[in-house]
Amino acid sequence: MGGESLRAGEAIEVALENDVLTDYVSNRDFVRAVHRKMLHRDPAVDDPKGLANWTGWLDRGAARAWVLWRLATSQESMPGYAPFKEKK
């Protein structure tokens, strides 16, 4: 559980540093920024369905902090998760 808290804390810190928690960033841009910082990929290119899913949650009223937490504690944010790793 400690690792999950660390990742979530890092995600929120990154979000605050890059002003992605503010209202003037669109939900789509927020999701893209968080994915790039946390998962090292652009969901618009690598995971358009995931981008649509998370953006949809936000458009329906979910809090950005909730999305950050869910992404930070998701399986794909765990070390060793491979489906979206860069191909060599």
Foldseek 3Di string as FASTA:
>chain_A
DVQLVVLLVVLVVQCVVVVLQDPVQQLLNSVQSSCCVQLVDGCVPVPVPVSCVSNVVVVVPDHSSVVSSCVSNDPSSDPPDPPPDDDD
